[in-house]
């Protein structure tokens, strides 16, 4: 995998002058497919429900890259052996793809996480030249133990995914449920980045909001009402526009989105015109 797929991928994108952080996320995305294949080909893991940005990207052809694989369980009684998952993935990458991955497991009452650490950045030419620079590319698998309330029939479905030679049936939330979850995250997320923590929004949340509206998706209303208290489109549009007016600037959007698109001009233009674009959807 490293020599015959990932190195050619990186070299091609470098010739196209794609920024290094974006190429890292492209490599992460490639590595997500064997993880998904392992998860949904394992009987004990098939009840996991895929959601989040990577779900939109992989199951619904979303236009932006994503970093992590997010799953949830519909029943808190569903037991997950995190060590078995972690070491199963470690063995798969070593035996089938000849890549050694260090694994780190972390869990709490509300979340379980496996982090795969691949020592490949230097060989791929994606690590800074400083001697102290890390060689590790991290791929995270997070399992939330608190799921969204799903009221609509068909709120969870199974779809075939075929990409890069990997083939698997993935269990995931539908677009209306994903939109309800994204709106809840956008309105309630606490997130600070930047040298002075001046970036207090995740640009990807606001891009995804645009994508849902552009696709003419409506949120699952009962789910949205349960998690936000919002029950009508009028209330929703008012809450979203208030949040955008109060919090969004082009600089904040670019800060987060620049790592998820090869075309940096598109990111800058999207951020510049964001309020104008969303005003058409929300007012």
C-alpha atoms as a PDB file:
ATOM      1  CA  UNK A   1       0.000   0.000   0.000  1.00  0.00           C
ATOM      2  CA  UNK A   2       2.721   2.488   0.940  1.00  0.00           C
ATOM      3  CA  UNK A   3       4.906   2.106  -2.146  1.00  0.00           C
ATOM      4  CA  UNK A   4       2.288   1.289  -4.774  1.00  0.00           C
ATOM      5  CA  UNK A   5      -0.576   3.571  -3.672  1.00  0.00           C
ATOM      6  CA  UNK A   6       0.234   6.216  -1.082  1.00  0.00           C
ATOM      7  CA  UNK A   7       3.592   7.440  -2.407  1.00  0.00           C
ATOM      8  CA  UNK A   8       2.229   7.875  -5.982  1.00  0.00           C
ATOM      9  CA  UNK A   9      -0.846   9.637  -4.557  1.00  0.00           C
ATOM     10  CA  UNK A  10       1.285  12.080  -2.593  1.00  0.00           C
ATOM     11  CA  UNK A  11       3.674  12.716  -5.490  1.00  0.00           C
ATOM     12  CA  UNK A  12       0.777  13.456  -7.847  1.00  0.00           C
ATOM     13  CA  UNK A  13      -0.817  15.909  -5.433  1.00  0.00           C
ATOM     14  CA  UNK A  14       2.499  17.596  -4.733  1.00  0.00           C
ATOM     15  CA  UNK A  15       2.986  18.155  -8.472  1.00  0.00           C
ATOM     16  CA  UNK A  16      -0.489  19.728  -8.483  1.00  0.00           C
ATOM     17  CA  UNK A  17       0.710  22.049  -5.677  1.00  0.00           C
ATOM     18  CA  UNK A  18      -1.900  20.811  -3.217  1.00  0.00           C
ATOM     19  CA  UNK A  19      -0.990  22.012   0.311  1.00  0.00           C
ATOM     20  CA  UNK A  20       0.680  19.444   2.548  1.00  0.00           C
ATOM     21  CA  UNK A  21      -2.065  19.466   5.192  1.00  0.00           C
ATOM     22  CA  UNK A  22      -4.656  18.697   2.536  1.00  0.00           C
ATOM     23  CA  UNK A  23      -2.533  15.823   1.198  1.00  0.00           C
ATOM     24  CA  UNK A  24      -2.277  14.421   4.735  1.00  0.00           C
ATOM     25  CA  UNK A  25      -6.062  14.384   4.922  1.00  0.00           C
ATOM     26  CA  UNK A  26      -6.224  12.685   1.512  1.00  0.00           C
ATOM     27  CA  UNK A  27      -3.938   9.942   2.837  1.00  0.00           C
ATOM     28  CA  UNK A  28      -6.092   9.664   5.972  1.00  0.00           C
ATOM     29  CA  UNK A  29      -9.165   9.305   3.786  1.00  0.00           C
ATOM     30  CA  UNK A  30      -7.573   6.441   1.859  1.00  0.00           C
ATOM     31  CA  UNK A  31      -6.734   4.684   5.132  1.00  0.00           C
ATOM     32  CA  UNK A  32     -10.320   5.081   6.333  1.00  0.00           C
ATOM     33  CA  UNK A  33     -11.598   2.564   3.771  1.00  0.00           C
ATOM     34  CA  UNK A  34      -9.768  -0.512   5.103  1.00  0.00           C
ATOM     35  CA  UNK A  35     -10.899   0.519   8.593  1.00  0.00           C
ATOM     36  CA  UNK A  36     -14.534   0.682   7.470  1.00  0.00           C
ATOM     37  CA  UNK A  37     -14.156  -2.638   5.684  1.00  0.00           C
ATOM     38  CA  UNK A  38     -12.774  -4.237   8.843  1.00  0.00           C
ATOM     39  CA  UNK A  39     -15.512  -2.772  11.066  1.00  0.00           C
ATOM     40  CA  UNK A  40     -18.469  -3.835   8.932  1.00  0.00           C
ATOM     41  CA  UNK A  41     -17.033  -7.236   8.042  1.00  0.00           C
ATOM     42  CA  UNK A  42     -16.785  -8.000  11.779  1.00  0.00           C
ATOM     43  CA  UNK A  43     -20.005  -9.512  13.122  1.00  0.00           C
ATOM     44  CA  UNK A  44     -19.500  -8.045  16.576  1.00  0.00           C
ATOM     45  CA  UNK A  45     -19.176  -4.499  15.141  1.00  0.00           C
ATOM     46  CA  UNK A  46     -21.922  -4.453  12.511  1.00  0.00           C
ATOM     47  CA  UNK A  47     -24.359  -2.682  14.845  1.00  0.00           C
ATOM     48  CA  UNK A  48     -22.174   0.433  14.873  1.00  0.00           C
ATOM     49  CA  UNK A  49     -23.792   3.377  13.077  1.00  0.00           C
ATOM     50  CA  UNK A  50     -21.520   5.593  10.960  1.00  0.00           C
ATOM     51  CA  UNK A  51     -22.104   9.359  11.107  1.00  0.00           C
ATOM     52  CA  UNK A  52     -20.317  12.705  10.907  1.00  0.00           C
ATOM     53  CA  UNK A  53     -18.298  14.411   8.196  1.00  0.00           C
ATOM     54  CA  UNK A  54     -16.618  11.252   6.954  1.00  0.00           C
ATOM     55  CA  UNK A  55     -20.033   9.598   6.627  1.00  0.00           C
ATOM     56  CA  UNK A  56     -21.285  12.475   4.460  1.00  0.00           C
ATOM     57  CA  UNK A  57     -18.129  12.243   2.367  1.00  0.00           C
ATOM     58  CA  UNK A  58     -18.076   8.468   1.930  1.00  0.00           C
ATOM     59  CA  UNK A  59     -21.774   7.574   1.833  1.00  0.00           C
ATOM     60  CA  UNK A  60     -23.204  10.705   0.197  1.00  0.00           C
ATOM     61  CA  UNK A  61     -20.288  11.972  -1.924  1.00  0.00           C
ATOM     62  CA  UNK A  62     -19.796  15.128   0.126  1.00  0.00           C
ATOM     63  CA  UNK A  63     -17.298  17.547  -1.426  1.00  0.00           C
ATOM     64  CA  UNK A  64     -14.945  18.107   1.504  1.00  0.00           C
ATOM     65  CA  UNK A  65     -12.383  15.852   3.095  1.00  0.00           C
ATOM     66  CA  UNK A  66     -12.757  14.754   6.698  1.00  0.00           C
ATOM     67  CA  UNK A  67     -10.364  13.654   9.445  1.00  0.00           C
ATOM     68  CA  UNK A  68     -11.923  11.015  11.679  1.00  0.00           C
ATOM     69  CA  UNK A  69     -14.316   8.073  11.543  1.00  0.00           C
ATOM     70  CA  UNK A  70     -17.254   8.619  13.883  1.00  0.00           C
ATOM     71  CA  UNK A  71     -19.649   5.890  14.997  1.00  0.00           C
ATOM     72  CA  UNK A  72     -22.399   5.564  17.545  1.00  0.00           C
ATOM     73  CA  UNK A  73     -24.559   2.828  19.019  1.00  0.00           C
ATOM     74  CA  UNK A  74     -28.350   2.886  19.125  1.00  0.00           C
ATOM     75  CA  UNK A  75     -28.462   0.992  22.406  1.00  0.00           C
ATOM     76  CA  UNK A  76     -26.193   1.669  25.404  1.00  0.00           C
ATOM     77  CA  UNK A  77     -26.415  -2.038  26.156  1.00  0.00           C
ATOM     78  CA  UNK A  78     -24.383  -2.808  23.021  1.00  0.00           C
ATOM     79  CA  UNK A  79     -20.958  -3.959  24.245  1.00  0.00           C
ATOM     80  CA  UNK A  80     -17.798  -3.065  22.337  1.00  0.00           C
ATOM     81  CA  UNK A  81     -14.455  -4.652  23.083  1.00  0.00           C
ATOM     82  CA  UNK A  82     -12.175  -1.744  22.222  1.00  0.00           C
ATOM     83  CA  UNK A  83      -8.948  -3.716  22.614  1.00  0.00           C
ATOM     84  CA  UNK A  84     -10.188  -6.353  20.166  1.00  0.00           C
ATOM     85  CA  UNK A  85     -11.042  -3.631  17.620  1.00  0.00           C
ATOM     86  CA  UNK A  86      -7.703  -1.875  18.082  1.00  0.00           C
ATOM     87  CA  UNK A  87      -5.515  -4.950  17.790  1.00  0.00           C
ATOM     88  CA  UNK A  88      -7.598  -6.380  14.953  1.00  0.00           C
ATOM     89  CA  UNK A  89      -6.936  -3.226  12.935  1.00  0.00           C
ATOM     90  CA  UNK A  90      -3.260  -3.290  13.930  1.00  0.00           C
ATOM     91  CA  UNK A  91      -2.950  -6.878  12.659  1.00  0.00           C
ATOM     92  CA  UNK A  92      -4.795  -6.119   9.445  1.00  0.00           C
ATOM     93  CA  UNK A  93      -2.552  -3.213   8.461  1.00  0.00           C
ATOM     94  CA  UNK A  94       0.565  -5.202   9.312  1.00  0.00           C
ATOM     95  CA  UNK A  95      -0.372  -8.464   7.547  1.00  0.00           C
ATOM     96  CA  UNK A  96      -2.298  -7.181   4.515  1.00  0.00           C
ATOM     97  CA  UNK A  97      -0.745  -3.773   3.857  1.00  0.00           C
ATOM     98  CA  UNK A  98       2.718  -4.141   5.432  1.00  0.00           C
ATOM     99  CA  UNK A  99       2.281  -1.002   7.549  1.00  0.00           C
ATOM    100  CA  UNK A 100       3.025  -1.077  11.253  1.00  0.00           C
ATOM    101  CA  UNK A 101       0.519   0.997  13.191  1.00  0.00           C
ATOM    102  CA  UNK A 102       0.860   1.826  16.841  1.00  0.00           C
ATOM    103  CA  UNK A 103      -2.538   1.848  18.550  1.00  0.00           C
ATOM    104  CA  UNK A 104      -3.797   3.897  21.462  1.00  0.00           C
ATOM    105  CA  UNK A 105      -7.081   3.166  23.213  1.00  0.00           C
ATOM    106  CA  UNK A 106      -9.019   5.667  25.281  1.00  0.00           C
ATOM    107  CA  UNK A 107     -12.479   5.357  26.766  1.00  0.00           C
ATOM    108  CA  UNK A 108     -14.886   7.110  29.086  1.00  0.00           C
ATOM    109  CA  UNK A 109     -18.531   6.782  30.034  1.00  0.00           C
ATOM    110  CA  UNK A 110     -19.655   8.566  26.858  1.00  0.00           C
ATOM    111  CA  UNK A 111     -16.982   7.785  24.270  1.00  0.00           C
ATOM    112  CA  UNK A 112     -14.536   5.133  23.090  1.00  0.00           C
ATOM    113  CA  UNK A 113     -11.588   5.995  20.858  1.00  0.00           C
ATOM    114  CA  UNK A 114      -8.962   4.072  18.945  1.00  0.00           C
ATOM    115  CA  UNK A 115      -6.112   6.081  17.447  1.00  0.00           C
ATOM    116  CA  UNK A 116      -4.009   4.394  14.767  1.00  0.00           C
ATOM    117  CA  UNK A 117      -0.566   5.986  14.492  1.00  0.00           C
ATOM    118  CA  UNK A 118       1.133   5.260  11.170  1.00  0.00           C
ATOM    119  CA  UNK A 119       4.897   6.042  10.991  1.00  0.00           C
ATOM    120  CA  UNK A 120       4.771   7.066   7.334  1.00  0.00           C
ATOM    121  CA  UNK A 121       4.966  10.861   7.040  1.00  0.00           C
ATOM    122  CA  UNK A 122       8.720  11.031   6.427  1.00  0.00           C
ATOM    123  CA  UNK A 123       8.660   8.355   3.752  1.00  0.00           C
ATOM    124  CA  UNK A 124       5.746  10.131   2.104  1.00  0.00           C
ATOM    125  CA  UNK A 125       7.579  13.451   2.189  1.00  0.00           C
ATOM    126  CA  UNK A 126       4.897  15.024   4.365  1.00  0.00           C
ATOM    127  CA  UNK A 127       6.889  15.589   7.565  1.00  0.00           C
ATOM    128  CA  UNK A 128       8.746  18.870   8.220  1.00  0.00           C
ATOM    129  CA  UNK A 129      12.508  18.582   7.790  1.00  0.00           C
ATOM    130  CA  UNK A 130      13.213  19.393  11.452  1.00  0.00           C
ATOM    131  CA  UNK A 131      14.833  16.443  13.282  1.00  0.00           C
ATOM    132  CA  UNK A 132      12.161  16.629  15.972  1.00  0.00           C
ATOM    133  CA  UNK A 133       9.285  16.466  13.477  1.00  0.00           C
ATOM    134  CA  UNK A 134       6.795  13.664  14.047  1.00  0.00           C
ATOM    135  CA  UNK A 135       6.637  10.793  11.573  1.00  0.00           C
ATOM    136  CA  UNK A 136       3.161   9.781  12.717  1.00  0.00           C
ATOM    137  CA  UNK A 137      -0.079  10.149  10.796  1.00  0.00           C
ATOM    138  CA  UNK A 138      -3.078   9.696  13.105  1.00  0.00           C
ATOM    139  CA  UNK A 139      -6.345   8.076  12.056  1.00  0.00           C
ATOM    140  CA  UNK A 140      -8.993   8.221  14.797  1.00  0.00           C
ATOM    141  CA  UNK A 141     -12.004   5.970  15.263  1.00  0.00           C
ATOM    142  CA  UNK A 142     -14.448   7.426  17.784  1.00  0.00           C
ATOM    143  CA  UNK A 143     -17.510   5.593  19.092  1.00  0.00           C
ATOM    144  CA  UNK A 144     -20.073   7.722  20.898  1.00  0.00           C
ATOM    145  CA  UNK A 145     -22.111   5.875  23.493  1.00  0.00           C
ATOM    146  CA  UNK A 146     -24.910   8.473  23.342  1.00  0.00           C
ATOM    147  CA  UNK A 147     -26.794   8.332  20.047  1.00  0.00           C
ATOM    148  CA  UNK A 148     -29.149  10.819  18.430  1.00  0.00           C
ATOM    149  CA  UNK A 149     -32.828  10.038  19.014  1.00  0.00           C
ATOM    150  CA  UNK A 150     -34.094   8.469  15.776  1.00  0.00           C
ATOM    151  CA  UNK A 151     -37.850   8.776  15.292  1.00  0.00           C
ATOM    152  CA  UNK A 152     -38.321   8.638  11.532  1.00  0.00           C
ATOM    153  CA  UNK A 153     -38.721   5.261   9.889  1.00  0.00           C
ATOM    154  CA  UNK A 154     -35.527   4.649   7.960  1.00  0.00           C
ATOM    155  CA  UNK A 155     -33.405   6.922  10.170  1.00  0.00           C
ATOM    156  CA  UNK A 156     -30.651   4.330   9.842  1.00  0.00           C
ATOM    157  CA  UNK A 157     -29.891   2.588   6.570  1.00  0.00           C
ATOM    158  CA  UNK A 158     -27.257   0.373   4.985  1.00  0.00           C
ATOM    159  CA  UNK A 159     -25.461   1.352   1.784  1.00  0.00           C
ATOM    160  CA  UNK A 160     -22.760  -0.235  -0.360  1.00  0.00           C
ATOM    161  CA  UNK A 161     -19.432   1.575  -0.442  1.00  0.00           C
ATOM    162  CA  UNK A 162     -16.869   0.757  -3.134  1.00  0.00           C
ATOM    163  CA  UNK A 163     -13.721   2.848  -3.405  1.00  0.00           C
ATOM    164  CA  UNK A 164      -9.992   2.242  -3.961  1.00  0.00           C
ATOM    165  CA  UNK A 165     -10.615  -1.501  -4.280  1.00  0.00           C
ATOM    166  CA  UNK A 166     -12.378  -1.727  -0.897  1.00  0.00           C
ATOM    167  CA  UNK A 167     -15.958  -2.965  -0.850  1.00  0.00           C
ATOM    168  CA  UNK A 168     -18.249  -2.970   2.162  1.00  0.00           C
ATOM    169  CA  UNK A 169     -21.838  -2.401   3.282  1.00  0.00           C
ATOM    170  CA  UNK A 170     -21.943   0.473   5.783  1.00  0.00           C
ATOM    171  CA  UNK A 171     -24.667   1.118   8.370  1.00  0.00           C
ATOM    172  CA  UNK A 172     -25.228   4.858   8.728  1.00  0.00           C
ATOM    173  CA  UNK A 173     -27.649   7.646   9.584  1.00  0.00           C
ATOM    174  CA  UNK A 174     -29.812   9.102   6.816  1.00  0.00           C
ATOM    175  CA  UNK A 175     -29.238  12.658   5.590  1.00  0.00           C
ATOM    176  CA  UNK A 176     -32.132  14.164   7.634  1.00  0.00           C
ATOM    177  CA  UNK A 177     -30.707  12.640  10.835  1.00  0.00           C
ATOM    178  CA  UNK A 178     -27.174  13.752   9.920  1.00  0.00           C
ATOM    179  CA  UNK A 179     -28.469  17.278   9.280  1.00  0.00           C
ATOM    180  CA  UNK A 180     -30.213  17.386  12.666  1.00  0.00           C
ATOM    181  CA  UNK A 181     -26.976  16.277  14.338  1.00  0.00           C
ATOM    182  CA  UNK A 182     -24.937  18.855  12.429  1.00  0.00           C
ATOM    183  CA  UNK A 183     -27.315  21.684  13.376  1.00  0.00           C
ATOM    184  CA  UNK A 184     -27.117  20.660  17.027  1.00  0.00           C
ATOM    185  CA  UNK A 185     -23.301  20.644  16.856  1.00  0.00           C
ATOM    186  CA  UNK A 186     -23.175  24.006  15.078  1.00  0.00           C
ATOM    187  CA  UNK A 187     -25.432  25.703  17.620  1.00  0.00           C
ATOM    188  CA  UNK A 188     -23.881  24.177  20.745  1.00  0.00           C
ATOM    189  CA  UNK A 189     -20.246  23.313  20.011  1.00  0.00           C
ATOM    190  CA  UNK A 190     -17.553  24.888  22.182  1.00  0.00           C
ATOM    191  CA  UNK A 191     -14.317  25.002  20.165  1.00  0.00           C
ATOM    192  CA  UNK A 192     -11.357  27.358  20.285  1.00  0.00           C
ATOM    193  CA  UNK A 193      -8.315  27.493  18.019  1.00  0.00           C
ATOM    194  CA  UNK A 194      -5.699  30.017  16.963  1.00  0.00           C
ATOM    195  CA  UNK A 195      -2.798  31.640  18.769  1.00  0.00           C
ATOM    196  CA  UNK A 196      -5.159  33.635  20.975  1.00  0.00           C
ATOM    197  CA  UNK A 197      -8.084  31.205  20.687  1.00  0.00           C
ATOM    198  CA  UNK A 198      -9.741  33.764  18.440  1.00  0.00           C
ATOM    199  CA  UNK A 199     -11.316  31.078  16.227  1.00  0.00           C
ATOM    200  CA  UNK A 200     -14.447  29.957  18.070  1.00  0.00           C
ATOM    201  CA  UNK A 201     -16.300  28.111  15.304  1.00  0.00           C
ATOM    202  CA  UNK A 202     -15.556  25.031  13.224  1.00  0.00           C
ATOM    203  CA  UNK A 203     -15.660  26.153   9.615  1.00  0.00           C
ATOM    204  CA  UNK A 204     -16.556  22.641   8.522  1.00  0.00           C
ATOM    205  CA  UNK A 205     -19.838  22.850  10.468  1.00  0.00           C
ATOM    206  CA  UNK A 206     -20.883  25.906   8.490  1.00  0.00           C
ATOM    207  CA  UNK A 207     -19.769  24.419   5.190  1.00  0.00           C
ATOM    208  CA  UNK A 208     -21.795  21.281   5.909  1.00  0.00           C
ATOM    209  CA  UNK A 209     -24.816  23.430   6.783  1.00  0.00           C
ATOM    210  CA  UNK A 210     -24.557  25.092   3.365  1.00  0.00           C
ATOM    211  CA  UNK A 211     -24.217  21.676   1.700  1.00  0.00           C
ATOM    212  CA  UNK A 212     -27.381  20.335   3.355  1.00  0.00           C
ATOM    213  CA  UNK A 213     -29.409  23.384   2.351  1.00  0.00           C
ATOM    214  CA  UNK A 214     -27.960  23.365  -1.161  1.00  0.00           C
ATOM    215  CA  UNK A 215     -29.012  19.719  -1.465  1.00  0.00           C
ATOM    216  CA  UNK A 216     -32.510  20.739  -0.271  1.00  0.00           C
ATOM    217  CA  UNK A 217     -32.324  18.333   2.682  1.00  0.00           C
ATOM    218  CA  UNK A 218     -34.659  18.979   5.606  1.00  0.00           C
ATOM    219  CA  UNK A 219     -33.636  17.874   9.084  1.00  0.00           C
ATOM    220  CA  UNK A 220     -35.441  15.071  10.891  1.00  0.00           C
ATOM    221  CA  UNK A 221     -37.762  17.369  12.822  1.00  0.00           C
ATOM    222  CA  UNK A 222     -38.531  15.170  15.804  1.00  0.00           C
ATOM    223  CA  UNK A 223     -34.847  14.482  16.287  1.00  0.00           C
ATOM    224  CA  UNK A 224     -33.984  18.171  15.931  1.00  0.00           C
ATOM    225  CA  UNK A 225     -36.700  19.171  18.399  1.00  0.00           C
ATOM    226  CA  UNK A 226     -35.427  16.641  20.934  1.00  0.00           C
ATOM    227  CA  UNK A 227     -31.823  17.860  20.816  1.00  0.00           C
ATOM    228  CA  UNK A 228     -32.284  21.619  20.227  1.00  0.00           C
ATOM    229  CA  UNK A 229     -35.896  22.508  21.025  1.00  0.00           C
ATOM    230  CA  UNK A 230     -36.363  23.813  17.474  1.00  0.00           C
ATOM    231  CA  UNK A 231     -39.628  22.579  15.943  1.00  0.00           C
ATOM    232  CA  UNK A 232     -40.283  24.615  12.778  1.00  0.00           C
ATOM    233  CA  UNK A 233     -38.399  25.825   9.723  1.00  0.00           C
ATOM    234  CA  UNK A 234     -39.045  29.425  10.733  1.00  0.00           C
ATOM    235  CA  UNK A 235     -37.440  28.857  14.134  1.00  0.00           C
ATOM    236  CA  UNK A 236     -34.545  26.998  12.553  1.00  0.00           C
ATOM    237  CA  UNK A 237     -33.765  29.673   9.983  1.00  0.00           C
ATOM    238  CA  UNK A 238     -33.905  32.365  12.644  1.00  0.00           C
ATOM    239  CA  UNK A 239     -31.546  30.489  15.003  1.00  0.00           C
ATOM    240  CA  UNK A 240     -29.061  29.675  12.250  1.00  0.00           C
ATOM    241  CA  UNK A 241     -28.978  33.185  10.809  1.00  0.00           C
ATOM    242  CA  UNK A 242     -28.493  34.652  14.285  1.00  0.00           C
ATOM    243  CA  UNK A 243     -25.549  32.291  14.850  1.00  0.00           C
ATOM    244  CA  UNK A 244     -24.003  33.110  11.473  1.00  0.00           C
ATOM    245  CA  UNK A 245     -24.371  36.874  11.952  1.00  0.00           C
ATOM    246  CA  UNK A 246     -22.874  36.719  15.439  1.00  0.00           C
ATOM    247  CA  UNK A 247     -20.017  34.262  14.911  1.00  0.00           C
ATOM    248  CA  UNK A 248     -18.932  33.785  11.296  1.00  0.00           C
ATOM    249  CA  UNK A 249     -16.111  35.685   9.616  1.00  0.00           C
ATOM    250  CA  UNK A 250     -14.210  34.767   6.449  1.00  0.00           C
ATOM    251  CA  UNK A 251     -11.024  34.345   8.466  1.00  0.00           C
ATOM    252  CA  UNK A 252     -12.604  31.867  10.875  1.00  0.00           C
ATOM    253  CA  UNK A 253     -14.044  29.818   8.021  1.00  0.00           C
ATOM    254  CA  UNK A 254     -10.726  29.668   6.150  1.00  0.00           C
ATOM    255  CA  UNK A 255      -8.813  28.678   9.297  1.00  0.00           C
ATOM    256  CA  UNK A 256     -10.643  25.340   9.497  1.00  0.00           C
ATOM    257  CA  UNK A 257     -11.694  24.674   5.894  1.00  0.00           C
ATOM    258  CA  UNK A 258      -8.280  25.128   4.268  1.00  0.00           C
ATOM    259  CA  UNK A 259      -7.259  21.598   5.300  1.00  0.00           C
ATOM    260  CA  UNK A 260     -10.214  19.954   3.583  1.00  0.00           C
ATOM    261  CA  UNK A 261     -10.085  21.257   0.004  1.00  0.00           C
ATOM    262  CA  UNK A 262      -7.337  21.014  -2.590  1.00  0.00           C
ATOM    263  CA  UNK A 263      -8.514  24.249  -4.218  1.00  0.00           C
ATOM    264  CA  UNK A 264      -7.559  26.999  -1.797  1.00  0.00           C
ATOM    265  CA  UNK A 265      -9.034  29.725  -3.994  1.00  0.00           C
ATOM    266  CA  UNK A 266     -12.408  28.011  -3.633  1.00  0.00           C
ATOM    267  CA  UNK A 267     -12.038  28.063   0.172  1.00  0.00           C
ATOM    268  CA  UNK A 268     -11.232  31.787   0.214  1.00  0.00           C
ATOM    269  CA  UNK A 269     -14.079  32.658  -2.157  1.00  0.00           C
ATOM    270  CA  UNK A 270     -16.547  30.466  -0.272  1.00  0.00           C
ATOM    271  CA  UNK A 271     -15.584  32.132   3.016  1.00  0.00           C
ATOM    272  CA  UNK A 272     -15.793  35.610   1.505  1.00  0.00           C
ATOM    273  CA  UNK A 273     -19.314  35.049   0.147  1.00  0.00           C
ATOM    274  CA  UNK A 274     -20.653  32.746   2.885  1.00  0.00           C
ATOM    275  CA  UNK A 275     -23.135  35.145   4.467  1.00  0.00           C
ATOM    276  CA  UNK A 276     -24.421  36.179   1.064  1.00  0.00           C
ATOM    277  CA  UNK A 277     -24.917  32.527   0.099  1.00  0.00           C
ATOM    278  CA  UNK A 278     -26.628  31.524   3.326  1.00  0.00           C
ATOM    279  CA  UNK A 279     -28.847  34.610   3.413  1.00  0.00           C
ATOM    280  CA  UNK A 280     -30.622  33.227   0.357  1.00  0.00           C
ATOM    281  CA  UNK A 281     -31.387  30.022   2.234  1.00  0.00           C
ATOM    282  CA  UNK A 282     -32.256  31.494   5.615  1.00  0.00           C
ATOM    283  CA  UNK A 283     -34.007  34.832   5.094  1.00  0.00           C
END
